[in-house]
Amino acid sequence: MARAVVEPAVLKLVRQYPRGRSFATTVTFGGDDFTMCAHIRAQWAAPGQVQIALACWVINMDTARYLGDNPPAREEMRLLPEGTAEWDEELTSRVIGHLAARMNALTPALPTTDEHLTITVPLVLT
């Protein structure tokens, strides 16, 4: 998930948005049985550095079908307070760990007050 969707989404966010503002997106990865979702926030931290906050969760597609909601309700695709999804701390930790290694993080992953983990990475726009 880190290589397939999260890292490209981070790079796209950084390229598209002006410095000084926080920007966010939600990306998904999965198939028929489950979908992994990642909420990504990026913000310029310092010259040449970007702070990335990440929260991941999984939607069990079989459960959605069983409950008669195919595809899952829109609320399941969003974190609280906009939706009903709850972050998966273990999945988030693994994904941000891979992202930190791939992007040469300058800081270890730290928790935020809204159930995200955050790292600071050097700005590389190649």
N, C-alpha and C. Protein backbone atom coordinates (compact mmCIF):
# COMPACT_ATOMS: atom_id res chain seq x y z
N MET A 1 0.83 -1.19 0.00
CA MET A 1 0.00 0.00 0.00
C MET A 1 0.87 1.26 0.00
N ALA A 2 1.97 1.23 0.76
CA ALA A 2 2.84 2.41 0.83
C ALA A 2 3.39 2.76 -0.55
N ARG A 3 3.90 1.76 -1.26
CA ARG A 3 4.48 2.03 -2.58
C ARG A 3 3.42 2.25 -3.64
N ALA A 4 2.34 1.49 -3.58
CA ALA A 4 1.34 1.52 -4.65
C ALA A 4 0.48 2.78 -4.65
N VAL A 5 0.05 3.24 -3.47
CA VAL A 5 -0.87 4.38 -3.47
C VAL A 5 -0.49 5.52 -2.54
N VAL A 6 0.10 5.24 -1.39
CA VAL A 6 0.36 6.32 -0.43
C VAL A 6 1.50 7.22 -0.90
N GLU A 7 2.63 6.65 -1.25
CA GLU A 7 3.77 7.47 -1.69
C GLU A 7 3.43 8.30 -2.92
N PRO A 8 2.82 7.72 -3.97
CA PRO A 8 2.43 8.56 -5.12
C PRO A 8 1.45 9.67 -4.75
N ALA A 9 0.53 9.39 -3.83
CA ALA A 9 -0.43 10.42 -3.41
C ALA A 9 0.27 11.56 -2.67
N VAL A 10 1.23 11.22 -1.81
CA VAL A 10 1.99 12.25 -1.09
C VAL A 10 2.74 13.13 -2.09
N LEU A 11 3.43 12.52 -3.03
CA LEU A 11 4.19 13.29 -4.02
C LEU A 11 3.27 14.17 -4.86
N LYS A 12 2.11 13.65 -5.22
CA LYS A 12 1.15 14.45 -5.99
C LYS A 12 0.65 15.64 -5.18
N LEU A 13 0.33 15.41 -3.90
CA LEU A 13 -0.12 16.51 -3.04
C LEU A 13 0.94 17.60 -2.94
N VAL A 14 2.17 17.19 -2.70
CA VAL A 14 3.26 18.16 -2.52
C VAL A 14 3.48 18.97 -3.79
N ARG A 15 3.35 18.33 -4.94
CA ARG A 15 3.56 19.04 -6.21
C ARG A 15 2.43 20.02 -6.51
N GLN A 16 1.21 19.70 -6.08
CA GLN A 16 0.05 20.48 -6.50
C GLN A 16 -0.30 21.66 -5.61
N TYR A 17 0.09 21.62 -4.35
CA TYR A 17 -0.43 22.62 -3.44
C TYR A 17 0.65 23.59 -2.99
N PRO A 18 0.25 24.84 -2.74
CA PRO A 18 1.21 25.86 -2.36
C PRO A 18 1.76 25.66 -0.95
N ARG A 19 2.92 26.21 -0.75
CA ARG A 19 3.55 26.13 0.57
C ARG A 19 2.72 26.90 1.60
N GLY A 20 2.80 26.45 2.85
CA GLY A 20 2.13 27.16 3.92
C GLY A 20 0.73 26.68 4.23
N ARG A 21 0.16 25.86 3.36
CA ARG A 21 -1.19 25.34 3.61
C ARG A 21 -1.14 23.84 3.84
N SER A 22 -2.04 23.36 4.66
CA SER A 22 -2.20 21.92 4.85
C SER A 22 -3.14 21.41 3.78
N PHE A 23 -2.87 20.24 3.25
CA PHE A 23 -3.72 19.67 2.23
C PHE A 23 -3.87 18.18 2.50
N ALA A 24 -4.99 17.59 2.05
CA ALA A 24 -5.27 16.21 2.40
C ALA A 24 -5.98 15.49 1.27
N THR A 25 -5.90 14.16 1.33
CA THR A 25 -6.62 13.30 0.41
C THR A 25 -6.83 11.94 1.07
N THR A 26 -7.76 11.18 0.55
CA THR A 26 -7.96 9.80 0.98
C THR A 26 -7.78 8.93 -0.24
N VAL A 27 -6.95 7.88 -0.10
CA VAL A 27 -6.72 6.95 -1.19
C VAL A 27 -7.14 5.55 -0.74
N THR A 28 -7.45 4.69 -1.72
CA THR A 28 -7.86 3.32 -1.40
C THR A 28 -7.04 2.32 -2.19
N PHE A 29 -6.99 1.10 -1.65
CA PHE A 29 -6.24 0.01 -2.27
C PHE A 29 -6.91 -1.28 -1.85
N GLY A 30 -7.25 -2.13 -2.78
CA GLY A 30 -7.87 -3.39 -2.38
C GLY A 30 -8.58 -4.08 -3.51
N GLY A 31 -9.46 -4.99 -3.12
CA GLY A 31 -10.14 -5.79 -4.10
C GLY A 31 -11.53 -6.18 -3.66
N ASP A 32 -11.91 -7.40 -4.01
CA ASP A 32 -13.27 -7.86 -3.73
C ASP A 32 -13.54 -8.13 -2.25
N ASP A 33 -12.53 -8.58 -1.52
CA ASP A 33 -12.73 -8.96 -0.12
C ASP A 33 -12.60 -7.80 0.86
N PHE A 34 -11.68 -6.89 0.58
CA PHE A 34 -11.44 -5.78 1.50
C PHE A 34 -10.88 -4.60 0.73
N THR A 35 -10.99 -3.44 1.33
CA THR A 35 -10.37 -2.23 0.80
C THR A 35 -9.63 -1.56 1.94
N MET A 36 -8.35 -1.26 1.70
CA MET A 36 -7.57 -0.48 2.67
C MET A 36 -7.67 0.98 2.27
N CYS A 37 -7.92 1.83 3.25
CA CYS A 37 -8.03 3.26 3.01
C CYS A 37 -6.93 3.97 3.78
N ALA A 38 -6.46 5.06 3.23
CA ALA A 38 -5.45 5.87 3.91
C ALA A 38 -5.81 7.34 3.77
N HIS A 39 -5.92 8.03 4.89
CA HIS A 39 -6.12 9.47 4.90
C HIS A 39 -4.74 10.09 5.05
N ILE A 40 -4.37 10.94 4.11
CA ILE A 40 -3.04 11.54 4.08
C ILE A 40 -3.18 13.05 4.18
N ARG A 41 -2.43 13.62 5.10
CA ARG A 41 -2.32 15.08 5.18
C ARG A 41 -0.86 15.44 4.98
N ALA A 42 -0.62 16.50 4.25
CA ALA A 42 0.75 16.97 4.06
C ALA A 42 0.78 18.47 4.34
N GLN A 43 1.89 18.90 4.90
CA GLN A 43 2.05 20.32 5.21
C GLN A 43 3.54 20.63 5.15
N TRP A 44 3.86 21.77 4.59
CA TRP A 44 5.25 22.19 4.55
C TRP A 44 5.71 22.42 5.98
N ALA A 45 6.82 21.78 6.36
CA ALA A 45 7.30 21.87 7.74
C ALA A 45 8.40 22.92 7.88
N ALA A 46 9.30 22.99 6.92
CA ALA A 46 10.44 23.90 6.92
C ALA A 46 10.94 23.91 5.48
N PRO A 47 11.84 24.82 5.16
CA PRO A 47 12.37 24.79 3.80
C PRO A 47 12.94 23.40 3.47
N GLY A 48 12.43 22.82 2.39
CA GLY A 48 12.90 21.52 1.96
C GLY A 48 12.36 20.33 2.75
N GLN A 49 11.32 20.56 3.59
CA GLN A 49 10.77 19.48 4.40
C GLN A 49 9.24 19.50 4.37
N VAL A 50 8.66 18.31 4.40
CA VAL A 50 7.21 18.17 4.40
C VAL A 50 6.83 17.25 5.55
N GLN A 51 5.81 17.65 6.30
CA GLN A 51 5.28 16.80 7.37
C GLN A 51 4.09 16.03 6.81
N ILE A 52 4.11 14.71 6.99
CA ILE A 52 3.06 13.84 6.49
C ILE A 52 2.36 13.17 7.66
N ALA A 53 1.03 13.29 7.70
CA ALA A 53 0.21 12.62 8.72
C ALA A 53 -0.60 11.55 8.00
N LEU A 54 -0.69 10.37 8.61
CA LEU A 54 -1.34 9.24 7.95
C LEU A 54 -2.21 8.47 8.94
N ALA A 55 -3.39 8.08 8.48
CA ALA A 55 -4.27 7.18 9.23
C ALA A 55 -4.84 6.18 8.24
N CYS A 56 -4.74 4.88 8.56
CA CYS A 56 -5.24 3.83 7.67
C CYS A 56 -6.34 3.04 8.36
N TRP A 57 -7.24 2.47 7.57
CA TRP A 57 -8.27 1.59 8.08
C TRP A 57 -8.67 0.62 6.97
N VAL A 58 -9.35 -0.45 7.36
CA VAL A 58 -9.76 -1.48 6.41
C VAL A 58 -11.28 -1.60 6.42
N ILE A 59 -11.85 -1.71 5.23
CA ILE A 59 -13.28 -1.95 5.09
C ILE A 59 -13.44 -3.37 4.57
N ASN A 60 -14.14 -4.21 5.32
CA ASN A 60 -14.41 -5.58 4.92
C ASN A 60 -15.59 -5.56 3.95
N MET A 61 -15.32 -5.83 2.68
CA MET A 61 -16.35 -5.76 1.65
C MET A 61 -17.41 -6.84 1.84
N ASP A 62 -17.02 -8.01 2.37
CA ASP A 62 -18.00 -9.07 2.61
C ASP A 62 -19.02 -8.65 3.66
N THR A 63 -18.55 -7.96 4.70
CA THR A 63 -19.46 -7.47 5.72
C THR A 63 -20.43 -6.45 5.12
N ALA A 64 -19.92 -5.59 4.25
CA ALA A 64 -20.77 -4.60 3.60
C ALA A 64 -21.85 -5.29 2.78
N ARG A 65 -21.47 -6.37 2.07
CA ARG A 65 -22.46 -7.10 1.28
C ARG A 65 -23.48 -7.79 2.19
N TYR A 66 -23.00 -8.38 3.28
CA TYR A 66 -23.87 -9.10 4.20
C TYR A 66 -24.92 -8.16 4.79
N LEU A 67 -24.51 -6.94 5.08
CA LEU A 67 -25.43 -5.97 5.67
C LEU A 67 -26.28 -5.28 4.60
N GLY A 68 -26.09 -5.69 3.33
CA GLY A 68 -26.92 -5.15 2.26
C GLY A 68 -26.45 -3.82 1.73
N ASP A 69 -25.26 -3.44 2.01
CA ASP A 69 -24.73 -2.15 1.59
C ASP A 69 -23.61 -2.39 0.60
N ASN A 70 -23.92 -2.56 -0.65
CA ASN A 70 -22.90 -2.86 -1.64
C ASN A 70 -22.91 -1.76 -2.69
N PRO A 71 -21.94 -0.91 -2.80
CA PRO A 71 -20.70 -0.86 -2.02
C PRO A 71 -20.94 -0.31 -0.62
N PRO A 72 -19.87 -0.30 0.20
CA PRO A 72 -20.02 0.21 1.57
C PRO A 72 -20.57 1.63 1.57
N ALA A 73 -21.25 1.95 2.64
CA ALA A 73 -21.80 3.30 2.79
C ALA A 73 -20.67 4.33 2.74
N ARG A 74 -20.98 5.49 2.25
CA ARG A 74 -19.99 6.57 2.11
C ARG A 74 -19.33 6.90 3.45
N GLU A 75 -20.09 6.78 4.55
CA GLU A 75 -19.56 7.09 5.88
C GLU A 75 -18.42 6.16 6.26
N GLU A 76 -18.48 4.90 5.77
CA GLU A 76 -17.42 3.94 6.10
C GLU A 76 -16.09 4.30 5.43
N MET A 77 -16.13 5.12 4.42
CA MET A 77 -14.92 5.50 3.70
C MET A 77 -14.26 6.73 4.30
N ARG A 78 -14.85 7.29 5.36
CA ARG A 78 -14.30 8.50 5.97
C ARG A 78 -14.07 8.29 7.46
N LEU A 79 -13.02 8.94 7.96
CA LEU A 79 -12.73 8.89 9.39
C LEU A 79 -13.68 9.79 10.16
N LEU A 80 -13.76 9.55 11.45
CA LEU A 80 -14.51 10.44 12.34
C LEU A 80 -13.91 11.84 12.26
N PRO A 81 -14.59 12.92 12.34
CA PRO A 81 -16.01 13.04 12.64
C PRO A 81 -16.89 13.02 11.39
N GLU A 82 -16.31 13.04 10.17
CA GLU A 82 -17.13 13.05 8.96
C GLU A 82 -17.77 11.70 8.67
N GLY A 83 -17.14 10.63 9.12
CA GLY A 83 -17.65 9.30 8.81
C GLY A 83 -17.63 8.40 10.03
N THR A 84 -17.73 7.10 9.75
CA THR A 84 -17.79 6.12 10.83
C THR A 84 -16.53 5.25 10.91
N ALA A 85 -15.59 5.43 10.00
CA ALA A 85 -14.38 4.62 10.00
C ALA A 85 -13.51 4.93 11.21
N GLU A 86 -12.86 3.91 11.71
CA GLU A 86 -11.91 4.08 12.82
C GLU A 86 -10.56 3.60 12.35
N TRP A 87 -9.53 4.34 12.68
CA TRP A 87 -8.19 4.00 12.20
C TRP A 87 -7.71 2.69 12.78
N ASP A 88 -6.88 2.02 12.00
CA ASP A 88 -6.23 0.78 12.40
C ASP A 88 -4.79 1.16 12.73
N GLU A 89 -4.49 1.23 14.02
CA GLU A 89 -3.17 1.72 14.46
C GLU A 89 -2.04 0.84 13.95
N GLU A 90 -2.24 -0.48 13.97
CA GLU A 90 -1.17 -1.39 13.52
C GLU A 90 -0.91 -1.23 12.02
N LEU A 91 -1.96 -1.18 11.21
CA LEU A 91 -1.80 -0.98 9.77
C LEU A 91 -1.16 0.37 9.49
N THR A 92 -1.62 1.42 10.17
CA THR A 92 -1.05 2.75 9.98
C THR A 92 0.44 2.75 10.31
N SER A 93 0.81 2.09 11.39
CA SER A 93 2.20 2.02 11.80
C SER A 93 3.06 1.33 10.74
N ARG A 94 2.55 0.23 10.19
CA ARG A 94 3.30 -0.49 9.16
C ARG A 94 3.44 0.35 7.89
N VAL A 95 2.35 0.97 7.46
CA VAL A 95 2.39 1.76 6.22
C VAL A 95 3.30 2.96 6.38
N ILE A 96 3.19 3.68 7.49
CA ILE A 96 4.04 4.86 7.66
C ILE A 96 5.50 4.45 7.86
N GLY A 97 5.73 3.27 8.44
CA GLY A 97 7.10 2.77 8.56
C GLY A 97 7.74 2.54 7.20
N HIS A 98 6.98 1.92 6.28
CA HIS A 98 7.48 1.71 4.92
C HIS A 98 7.67 3.05 4.21
N LEU A 99 6.71 3.95 4.39
CA LEU A 99 6.80 5.26 3.76
C LEU A 99 8.01 6.02 4.30
N ALA A 100 8.24 5.95 5.60
CA ALA A 100 9.39 6.63 6.21
C ALA A 100 10.70 6.11 5.64
N ALA A 101 10.80 4.81 5.47
CA ALA A 101 12.03 4.22 4.92
C ALA A 101 12.21 4.62 3.46
N ARG A 102 11.15 4.58 2.68
CA ARG A 102 11.24 4.91 1.24
C ARG A 102 11.53 6.39 1.00
N MET A 103 11.04 7.25 1.92
CA MET A 103 11.20 8.69 1.71
C MET A 103 12.27 9.30 2.62
N ASN A 104 13.07 8.46 3.27
CA ASN A 104 14.17 8.94 4.12
C ASN A 104 13.70 9.92 5.19
N ALA A 105 12.77 9.49 6.01
CA ALA A 105 12.17 10.35 7.04
C ALA A 105 13.23 10.94 7.95
N LEU A 106 13.00 12.18 8.33
CA LEU A 106 13.91 12.90 9.22
C LEU A 106 13.53 12.73 10.68
N THR A 107 12.29 12.25 10.91
CA THR A 107 11.79 12.06 12.28
C THR A 107 11.12 10.70 12.38
N PRO A 108 11.07 10.13 13.58
CA PRO A 108 10.30 8.90 13.75
C PRO A 108 8.81 9.22 13.71
N ALA A 109 7.99 8.20 13.50
CA ALA A 109 6.54 8.39 13.47
C ALA A 109 6.04 8.77 14.85
N LEU A 110 5.29 9.85 14.92
CA LEU A 110 4.73 10.34 16.18
C LEU A 110 3.22 10.45 16.06
N PRO A 111 2.49 10.16 17.14
CA PRO A 111 1.02 10.24 17.08
C PRO A 111 0.55 11.69 17.12
N THR A 112 -0.61 11.93 16.50
CA THR A 112 -1.27 13.24 16.57
C THR A 112 -2.47 13.09 17.50
N THR A 113 -3.14 14.17 17.76
CA THR A 113 -4.32 14.13 18.63
C THR A 113 -5.55 13.57 17.92
N ASP A 114 -5.49 13.43 16.59
CA ASP A 114 -6.65 12.93 15.85
C ASP A 114 -6.38 11.57 15.19
N GLU A 115 -5.65 10.71 15.87
CA GLU A 115 -5.42 9.34 15.45
C GLU A 115 -4.76 9.22 14.08
N HIS A 116 -3.72 9.97 13.87
CA HIS A 116 -2.84 9.85 12.72
C HIS A 116 -1.44 9.63 13.28
N LEU A 117 -0.55 9.14 12.44
CA LEU A 117 0.88 9.12 12.77
C LEU A 117 1.54 10.08 11.79
N THR A 118 2.54 10.80 12.27
CA THR A 118 3.17 11.82 11.45
C THR A 118 4.68 11.63 11.36
N ILE A 119 5.22 11.91 10.19
CA ILE A 119 6.67 11.93 9.96
C ILE A 119 7.02 13.19 9.19
N THR A 120 8.27 13.58 9.26
CA THR A 120 8.77 14.69 8.45
C THR A 120 9.78 14.10 7.48
N VAL A 121 9.64 14.45 6.20
CA VAL A 121 10.50 13.92 5.16
C VAL A 121 11.13 15.06 4.37
N PRO A 122 12.29 14.81 3.78
CA PRO A 122 12.86 15.83 2.90
C PRO A 122 12.01 15.95 1.64
N LEU A 123 11.94 17.14 1.11
CA LEU A 123 11.16 17.40 -0.09
C LEU A 123 11.96 16.95 -1.31
N VAL A 124 11.44 15.93 -1.98
CA VAL A 124 12.06 15.43 -3.21
C VAL A 124 10.98 15.37 -4.26
N LEU A 125 11.10 16.17 -5.31
CA LEU A 125 10.05 16.23 -6.32
C LEU A 125 10.44 15.55 -7.62
N THR A 126 11.28 14.55 -7.56
CA THR A 126 11.68 13.87 -8.80
C THR A 126 10.65 12.88 -9.25
